[in-house]
């Protein structure tokens, strides 16, 4: 997750994508109550949850892509780069990992033995949404090396890399999943989220015409529909929920994220998004995006089951309205909490 604008003090389309992305992340975790208990819900509710979840699937990929556009062209020495990343990303992540450790252990802290805690910190994350931080931090370590590839007259080489990444990541995963195809011929560097990092830089440099926007919008709509339909059908066939087409590294996930990135870049310049009070709040929320990511699971759990009054989750009504309602409620609560914390000198260090 990118924390601060790098290329200049404020890049509005970057702020807009960050806001959309973090809102989508919150919605994913609101919806997972149905996804994680798939067979406990009737088909109609499954389809509604799946529809919403398919729409917001591009969120994680968008964060990687924005990070790539912001960080790769930056010229700074390795020491400066890692000092910034430590203060803005790693330090808050460590502190919040400890907070979530105590939050999840609660009064059962004695049951959290050293091996379990070690696995949480170094494998799973002390909260399930922290999985994202591990590939991100891994890519950060490689950024000084990746910057050597960023040359204005050598972008065709980067597109060549993207071609390799598509073959050895999403296409290979399809071959393995559906045809049990296996090979020892692999390209370790052309796998994982690193492709989104470089793709974000390349797409961020594009000049987006209205024609390109329309093509991207059609691509995003079709890929979203495909994810929803394919997920529903495969889950029905398997008898349990299938995450295969939800994977941000799947072929449809890559298409969905790339077209969504272009579409959102163009929309960020459209009225009324780019003018007046809307643009002001977009910038404010973007500044709080990392903080919202850090705390939203706690807010969700407090509203759902860790308060003595009423459980607020998507089961309060039909998911058609309860999913967006709970998402907006959690999102706003998180924003106001983060905004208040960022105004406090000490707390600002753990929620930049």
Protein backbone atom coordinates (compact mmCIF):
# COMPACT_ATOMS: atom_id res chain seq x y z
CA UNK A 1 0.00 0.00 0.00
CA UNK A 2 1.52 3.33 -1.04
CA UNK A 3 1.58 5.85 1.75
CA UNK A 4 2.67 9.18 0.37
CA UNK A 5 2.82 10.77 -3.09
CA UNK A 6 6.40 10.63 -4.35
CA UNK A 7 6.60 12.31 -7.73
CA UNK A 8 5.01 15.52 -6.57
CA UNK A 9 3.14 16.85 -3.58
CA UNK A 10 -0.25 15.73 -4.84
CA UNK A 11 -1.25 13.60 -7.82
CA UNK A 12 -5.02 13.67 -7.96
CA UNK A 13 -5.68 10.56 -10.02
CA UNK A 14 -3.44 8.63 -7.62
CA UNK A 15 -5.47 9.93 -4.66
CA UNK A 16 -8.70 8.97 -6.41
CA UNK A 17 -7.53 5.41 -7.10
CA UNK A 18 -6.34 5.04 -3.51
CA UNK A 19 -9.73 6.09 -2.17
CA UNK A 20 -11.61 3.72 -4.48
CA UNK A 21 -9.19 0.91 -3.64
CA UNK A 22 -9.38 1.24 0.13
CA UNK A 23 -13.18 1.47 -0.02
CA UNK A 24 -13.18 -1.73 -2.08
CA UNK A 25 -10.88 -3.42 0.46
CA UNK A 26 -13.32 -2.60 3.25
CA UNK A 27 -16.19 -4.00 1.17
CA UNK A 28 -14.30 -7.25 0.54
CA UNK A 29 -13.97 -7.80 4.27
CA UNK A 30 -17.61 -6.90 4.86
CA UNK A 31 -18.68 -9.48 2.27
CA UNK A 32 -16.43 -12.27 3.55
CA UNK A 33 -19.04 -13.14 6.19
CA UNK A 34 -21.00 -14.76 3.36
CA UNK A 35 -17.97 -15.95 1.39
CA UNK A 36 -16.48 -17.73 4.42
CA UNK A 37 -19.82 -19.38 5.21
CA UNK A 38 -20.85 -19.97 1.61
CA UNK A 39 -23.04 -23.03 2.02
CA UNK A 40 -24.87 -21.52 4.99
CA UNK A 41 -26.56 -18.95 2.74
CA UNK A 42 -29.22 -19.47 0.05
CA UNK A 43 -28.18 -19.21 -3.58
CA UNK A 44 -29.82 -15.79 -4.04
CA UNK A 45 -27.69 -14.26 -1.28
CA UNK A 46 -24.59 -16.03 -2.58
CA UNK A 47 -25.13 -14.44 -5.98
CA UNK A 48 -25.55 -10.94 -4.53
CA UNK A 49 -22.40 -11.25 -2.42
CA UNK A 50 -20.49 -12.70 -5.37
CA UNK A 51 -21.63 -9.84 -7.61
CA UNK A 52 -20.42 -7.17 -5.19
CA UNK A 53 -17.18 -9.03 -4.49
CA UNK A 54 -16.41 -9.41 -8.19
CA UNK A 55 -16.83 -5.66 -8.70
CA UNK A 56 -14.28 -4.79 -5.99
CA UNK A 57 -11.73 -7.54 -6.73
CA UNK A 58 -9.26 -5.17 -8.40
CA UNK A 59 -8.56 -3.31 -5.13
CA UNK A 60 -5.34 -5.07 -4.11
CA UNK A 61 -3.86 -4.99 -7.61
CA UNK A 62 -4.58 -1.26 -7.86
CA UNK A 63 -2.54 -0.61 -4.73
CA UNK A 64 0.45 -2.45 -6.19
CA UNK A 65 0.06 -0.57 -9.48
CA UNK A 66 -0.12 2.87 -7.88
CA UNK A 67 2.92 1.98 -5.76
CA UNK A 68 4.85 1.05 -8.88
CA UNK A 69 4.02 4.33 -10.62
CA UNK A 70 5.00 6.37 -7.58
CA UNK A 71 8.15 4.55 -6.51
CA UNK A 72 9.92 3.17 -9.57
CA UNK A 73 10.88 6.45 -11.33
CA UNK A 74 12.03 8.10 -8.09
CA UNK A 75 15.74 8.90 -7.86
CA UNK A 76 17.12 8.49 -4.34
CA UNK A 77 19.89 6.54 -2.66
CA UNK A 78 19.19 3.21 -1.00
CA UNK A 79 19.59 4.56 2.54
CA UNK A 80 17.07 7.35 2.00
CA UNK A 81 14.62 4.95 0.36
CA UNK A 82 14.66 2.45 3.23
CA UNK A 83 14.49 5.12 5.93
CA UNK A 84 11.30 6.46 4.30
CA UNK A 85 9.80 3.00 3.93
CA UNK A 86 10.61 2.12 7.56
CA UNK A 87 8.97 5.23 9.00
CA UNK A 88 5.97 5.23 6.69
CA UNK A 89 5.26 1.52 6.26
CA UNK A 90 7.33 -0.98 8.23
CA UNK A 91 7.20 0.68 11.66
CA UNK A 92 3.39 1.18 11.64
CA UNK A 93 2.96 -2.38 10.31
CA UNK A 94 5.03 -3.82 13.19
CA UNK A 95 3.12 -1.80 15.80
CA UNK A 96 -0.27 -2.78 14.41
CA UNK A 97 0.79 -6.40 14.10
CA UNK A 98 1.41 -6.34 17.85
CA UNK A 99 -1.92 -4.60 18.46
CA UNK A 100 -3.78 -7.24 16.43
CA UNK A 101 -1.89 -9.99 18.23
CA UNK A 102 -3.32 -8.82 21.55
CA UNK A 103 -6.68 -8.12 19.96
CA UNK A 104 -7.00 -11.65 18.59
CA UNK A 105 -5.58 -13.41 21.64
CA UNK A 106 -7.62 -11.34 24.09
CA UNK A 107 -7.91 -12.96 27.48
CA UNK A 108 -6.58 -16.19 25.96
CA UNK A 109 -3.07 -14.75 25.62
CA UNK A 110 -1.65 -17.73 27.50
CA UNK A 111 -2.84 -19.96 24.66
CA UNK A 112 -0.79 -17.99 22.15
CA UNK A 113 2.49 -19.89 22.43
CA UNK A 114 5.76 -18.68 20.91
CA UNK A 115 5.53 -20.97 17.86
CA UNK A 116 2.00 -19.74 17.07
CA UNK A 117 3.05 -16.11 17.48
CA UNK A 118 6.12 -16.67 15.28
CA UNK A 119 3.96 -18.16 12.52
CA UNK A 120 1.58 -15.22 12.74
CA UNK A 121 4.33 -12.62 12.42
CA UNK A 122 6.40 -14.28 9.72
CA UNK A 123 3.90 -16.40 7.75
CA UNK A 124 0.23 -15.51 8.12
CA UNK A 125 0.16 -12.06 9.69
CA UNK A 126 -1.50 -11.32 13.03
CA UNK A 127 -4.64 -10.35 11.11
CA UNK A 128 -5.78 -11.95 7.86
CA UNK A 129 -5.73 -8.65 5.96
CA UNK A 130 -2.02 -8.19 6.67
CA UNK A 131 -1.11 -10.81 4.04
CA UNK A 132 -0.83 -7.89 1.62
CA UNK A 133 2.10 -6.38 3.51
CA UNK A 134 4.43 -9.33 2.96
CA UNK A 135 4.62 -9.26 -0.87
CA UNK A 136 4.64 -5.44 -0.70
CA UNK A 137 7.65 -5.36 1.64
CA UNK A 138 9.35 -7.98 -0.52
CA UNK A 139 8.94 -5.78 -3.59
CA UNK A 140 10.19 -2.76 -1.63
CA UNK A 141 13.45 -4.62 -1.05
CA UNK A 142 13.77 -5.04 -4.82
CA UNK A 143 12.81 -1.48 -5.76
CA UNK A 144 16.41 -0.14 -5.92
CA UNK A 145 17.17 -2.94 -8.41
CA UNK A 146 13.95 -2.47 -10.39
CA UNK A 147 14.72 1.23 -10.80
CA UNK A 148 17.62 0.28 -13.05
CA UNK A 149 15.02 -0.90 -15.59
CA UNK A 150 13.21 2.44 -15.69
CA UNK A 151 14.53 4.24 -18.76
CA UNK A 152 12.21 6.37 -20.93
CA UNK A 153 13.56 4.93 -24.18
CA UNK A 154 13.46 1.31 -22.97
CA UNK A 155 9.78 0.84 -22.15
CA UNK A 156 9.48 -1.89 -24.79
CA UNK A 157 11.69 -4.03 -22.54
CA UNK A 158 9.29 -3.52 -19.65
CA UNK A 159 6.36 -4.52 -21.87
CA UNK A 160 8.39 -7.62 -22.79
CA UNK A 161 8.65 -8.35 -19.07
CA UNK A 162 4.87 -7.94 -18.68
CA UNK A 163 4.37 -10.44 -21.51
CA UNK A 164 6.58 -12.97 -19.71
CA UNK A 165 4.78 -12.29 -16.43
CA UNK A 166 1.37 -12.94 -18.01
CA UNK A 167 2.61 -16.25 -19.42
CA UNK A 168 4.38 -17.50 -16.30
CA UNK A 169 1.88 -16.21 -13.73
CA UNK A 170 -1.81 -16.10 -14.76
CA UNK A 171 -1.66 -18.35 -17.83
CA UNK A 172 0.50 -20.92 -16.07
CA UNK A 173 -1.87 -20.92 -13.08
CA UNK A 174 -4.80 -21.70 -15.42
CA UNK A 175 -2.87 -24.57 -16.99
CA UNK A 176 -2.01 -25.96 -13.57
CA UNK A 177 -5.52 -25.57 -12.11
CA UNK A 178 -7.58 -26.98 -14.97
CA UNK A 179 -5.21 -29.23 -16.91
CA UNK A 180 -2.78 -30.23 -14.14
CA UNK A 181 0.06 -28.94 -16.31
CA UNK A 182 3.43 -28.82 -14.52
CA UNK A 183 6.88 -27.84 -15.70
CA UNK A 184 10.30 -27.15 -14.20
CA UNK A 185 10.74 -24.31 -16.68
CA UNK A 186 9.94 -21.28 -14.54
CA UNK A 187 10.96 -17.63 -14.32
CA UNK A 188 10.90 -16.74 -10.59
CA UNK A 189 11.26 -13.00 -11.20
CA UNK A 190 8.31 -12.97 -13.61
CA UNK A 191 5.79 -14.18 -11.02
CA UNK A 192 3.84 -12.68 -8.15
CA UNK A 193 2.77 -9.09 -7.56
CA UNK A 194 5.93 -7.61 -9.07
CA UNK A 195 4.21 -7.60 -12.45
CA UNK A 196 1.55 -5.21 -11.15
CA UNK A 197 4.28 -2.91 -9.86
CA UNK A 198 5.79 -2.55 -13.34
CA UNK A 199 2.41 -2.57 -15.11
CA UNK A 200 1.28 0.31 -12.89
CA UNK A 201 4.30 2.36 -13.94
CA UNK A 202 3.65 1.68 -17.63
CA UNK A 203 -0.09 2.40 -17.51
CA UNK A 204 0.50 5.45 -15.34
CA UNK A 205 2.64 6.94 -18.10
CA UNK A 206 0.00 6.41 -20.81
CA UNK A 207 -1.93 9.31 -22.28
CA UNK A 208 -5.53 8.19 -21.94
CA UNK A 209 -7.89 9.16 -24.74
CA UNK A 210 -11.66 8.87 -24.57
CA UNK A 211 -11.49 5.92 -26.96
CA UNK A 212 -9.03 4.12 -24.68
CA UNK A 213 -11.28 4.86 -21.70
CA UNK A 214 -14.30 3.33 -23.46
CA UNK A 215 -12.31 0.23 -24.41
CA UNK A 216 -11.03 -0.10 -20.85
CA UNK A 217 -14.52 0.31 -19.40
CA UNK A 218 -15.88 -2.42 -21.69
CA UNK A 219 -12.96 -4.67 -20.73
CA UNK A 220 -13.53 -4.04 -17.03
CA UNK A 221 -17.29 -4.72 -17.25
CA UNK A 222 -16.80 -7.94 -19.23
CA UNK A 223 -14.02 -9.21 -16.95
CA UNK A 224 -16.09 -8.40 -13.86
CA UNK A 225 -19.08 -10.31 -15.24
CA UNK A 226 -16.82 -13.22 -16.14
CA UNK A 227 -15.33 -13.34 -12.62
CA UNK A 228 -18.80 -13.36 -11.06
CA UNK A 229 -20.29 -15.98 -13.39
CA UNK A 230 -17.24 -18.26 -13.42
CA UNK A 231 -16.94 -18.11 -9.63
CA UNK A 232 -20.61 -18.94 -9.15
CA UNK A 233 -20.45 -21.87 -11.56
CA UNK A 234 -17.18 -23.29 -10.26
CA UNK A 235 -18.33 -22.98 -6.64
CA UNK A 236 -21.54 -24.81 -7.48
CA UNK A 237 -19.58 -27.55 -9.26
CA UNK A 238 -17.15 -27.99 -6.35
CA UNK A 239 -19.82 -27.74 -3.66
CA UNK A 240 -17.87 -25.06 -1.82
CA UNK A 241 -16.66 -21.55 -2.58
CA UNK A 242 -13.82 -21.29 -5.11
CA UNK A 243 -11.37 -18.38 -4.90
CA UNK A 244 -9.65 -19.20 -8.19
CA UNK A 245 -11.19 -16.43 -10.30
CA UNK A 246 -11.05 -14.01 -7.35
CA UNK A 247 -7.26 -14.26 -7.31
CA UNK A 248 -5.79 -10.89 -8.30
CA UNK A 249 -3.03 -12.82 -10.10
CA UNK A 250 -5.47 -14.77 -12.29
CA UNK A 251 -5.74 -13.84 -15.97
CA UNK A 252 -9.15 -12.25 -15.48
CA UNK A 253 -7.80 -10.52 -12.37
CA UNK A 254 -4.97 -8.95 -14.37
CA UNK A 255 -7.33 -7.83 -17.16
CA UNK A 256 -9.81 -6.51 -14.59
CA UNK A 257 -7.17 -4.53 -12.70
CA UNK A 258 -5.45 -3.11 -15.80
CA UNK A 259 -8.69 -1.94 -17.40
CA UNK A 260 -9.97 -0.68 -14.04
CA UNK A 261 -6.77 1.33 -13.54
CA UNK A 262 -7.16 3.06 -16.91
CA UNK A 263 -10.87 3.63 -16.33
CA UNK A 264 -10.34 5.21 -12.89
CA UNK A 265 -7.52 7.42 -14.16
CA UNK A 266 -9.85 8.87 -16.80
CA UNK A 267 -12.77 9.20 -14.38
CA UNK A 268 -10.61 11.10 -11.88
CA UNK A 269 -10.55 14.03 -14.32
CA UNK A 270 -14.31 14.02 -14.94
CA UNK A 271 -16.75 16.36 -13.24
CA UNK A 272 -17.81 16.51 -10.44
CA UNK A 273 -15.07 14.16 -9.15
CA UNK A 274 -12.27 16.56 -10.01
CA UNK A 275 -13.87 19.76 -8.72
CA UNK A 276 -15.10 21.41 -5.55
CA UNK A 277 -15.64 19.71 -2.22
CA UNK A 278 -15.51 16.24 -3.78
CA UNK A 279 -11.86 16.67 -4.77
CA UNK A 280 -11.06 18.09 -1.32
CA UNK A 281 -12.44 15.03 0.45
CA UNK A 282 -10.81 12.67 -2.03
CA UNK A 283 -7.44 14.13 -1.04
CA UNK A 284 -8.26 13.93 2.69
CA UNK A 285 -9.42 10.33 2.50
CA UNK A 286 -6.41 9.37 0.37
CA UNK A 287 -4.16 10.68 3.13
CA UNK A 288 -5.98 8.42 5.59
CA UNK A 289 -6.04 5.34 3.29
CA UNK A 290 -3.19 3.43 4.96
CA UNK A 291 -4.67 4.11 8.37
CA UNK A 292 -8.08 2.87 7.22
CA UNK A 293 -6.41 -0.29 5.96
CA UNK A 294 -4.73 -0.82 9.34
CA UNK A 295 -7.76 -0.37 11.60
CA UNK A 296 -10.84 -1.38 9.60
CA UNK A 297 -10.84 -5.01 10.75
CA UNK A 298 -11.05 -3.92 14.39
CA UNK A 299 -13.93 -1.56 13.56
CA UNK A 300 -15.70 -4.33 11.65
CA UNK A 301 -15.36 -6.77 14.53
CA UNK A 302 -16.52 -4.24 17.13
CA UNK A 303 -19.64 -3.51 15.10
CA UNK A 304 -20.28 -7.18 14.41
CA UNK A 305 -19.69 -9.08 17.64
CA UNK A 306 -17.47 -7.28 20.13
CA UNK A 307 -19.99 -4.87 21.60
CA UNK A 308 -22.80 -5.50 24.13
CA UNK A 309 -25.51 -3.72 22.19
CA UNK A 310 -26.25 -4.75 18.62
CA UNK A 311 -24.46 -6.69 15.89
CA UNK A 312 -24.11 -4.66 12.72
CA UNK A 313 -23.18 -6.80 9.74
CA UNK A 314 -24.60 -7.76 6.37
CA UNK A 315 -27.13 -10.07 8.01
CA UNK A 316 -29.17 -7.05 9.19
CA UNK A 317 -31.03 -7.06 5.87
CA UNK A 318 -30.93 -8.00 2.22
CA UNK A 319 -27.28 -7.94 1.05
CA UNK A 320 -28.28 -5.71 -1.88
CA UNK A 321 -28.45 -2.79 0.56
CA UNK A 322 -26.75 -4.16 3.69
CA UNK A 323 -23.39 -4.70 1.96
CA UNK A 324 -22.98 -1.08 0.79
CA UNK A 325 -24.56 0.23 4.03
CA UNK A 326 -22.16 -1.60 6.35
CA UNK A 327 -19.21 -0.79 4.07
CA UNK A 328 -19.98 2.93 4.11
CA UNK A 329 -20.53 2.90 7.88
CA UNK A 330 -17.24 1.12 8.60
CA UNK A 331 -15.40 3.30 6.08
CA UNK A 332 -16.65 6.56 7.62
CA UNK A 333 -15.93 5.45 11.19
CA UNK A 334 -12.40 4.47 10.16
CA UNK A 335 -11.84 7.75 8.36
CA UNK A 336 -12.86 9.86 11.35
CA UNK A 337 -10.75 7.77 13.73
CA UNK A 338 -7.69 7.95 11.48
CA UNK A 339 -8.18 11.66 10.82
CA UNK A 340 -8.26 12.29 14.60
CA UNK A 341 -5.21 10.09 15.24
CA UNK A 342 -3.19 11.84 12.53
CA UNK A 343 -3.69 15.13 14.36
CA UNK A 344 -2.04 13.70 17.47
CA UNK A 345 1.75 13.91 17.42
CA UNK A 346 2.44 10.51 19.02
CA UNK A 347 -0.33 8.53 17.32
CA UNK A 348 0.60 9.97 13.93
CA UNK A 349 3.79 7.91 14.01
CA UNK A 350 1.84 4.64 14.01
CA UNK A 351 -0.85 5.72 11.57
CA UNK A 352 0.87 8.07 9.07
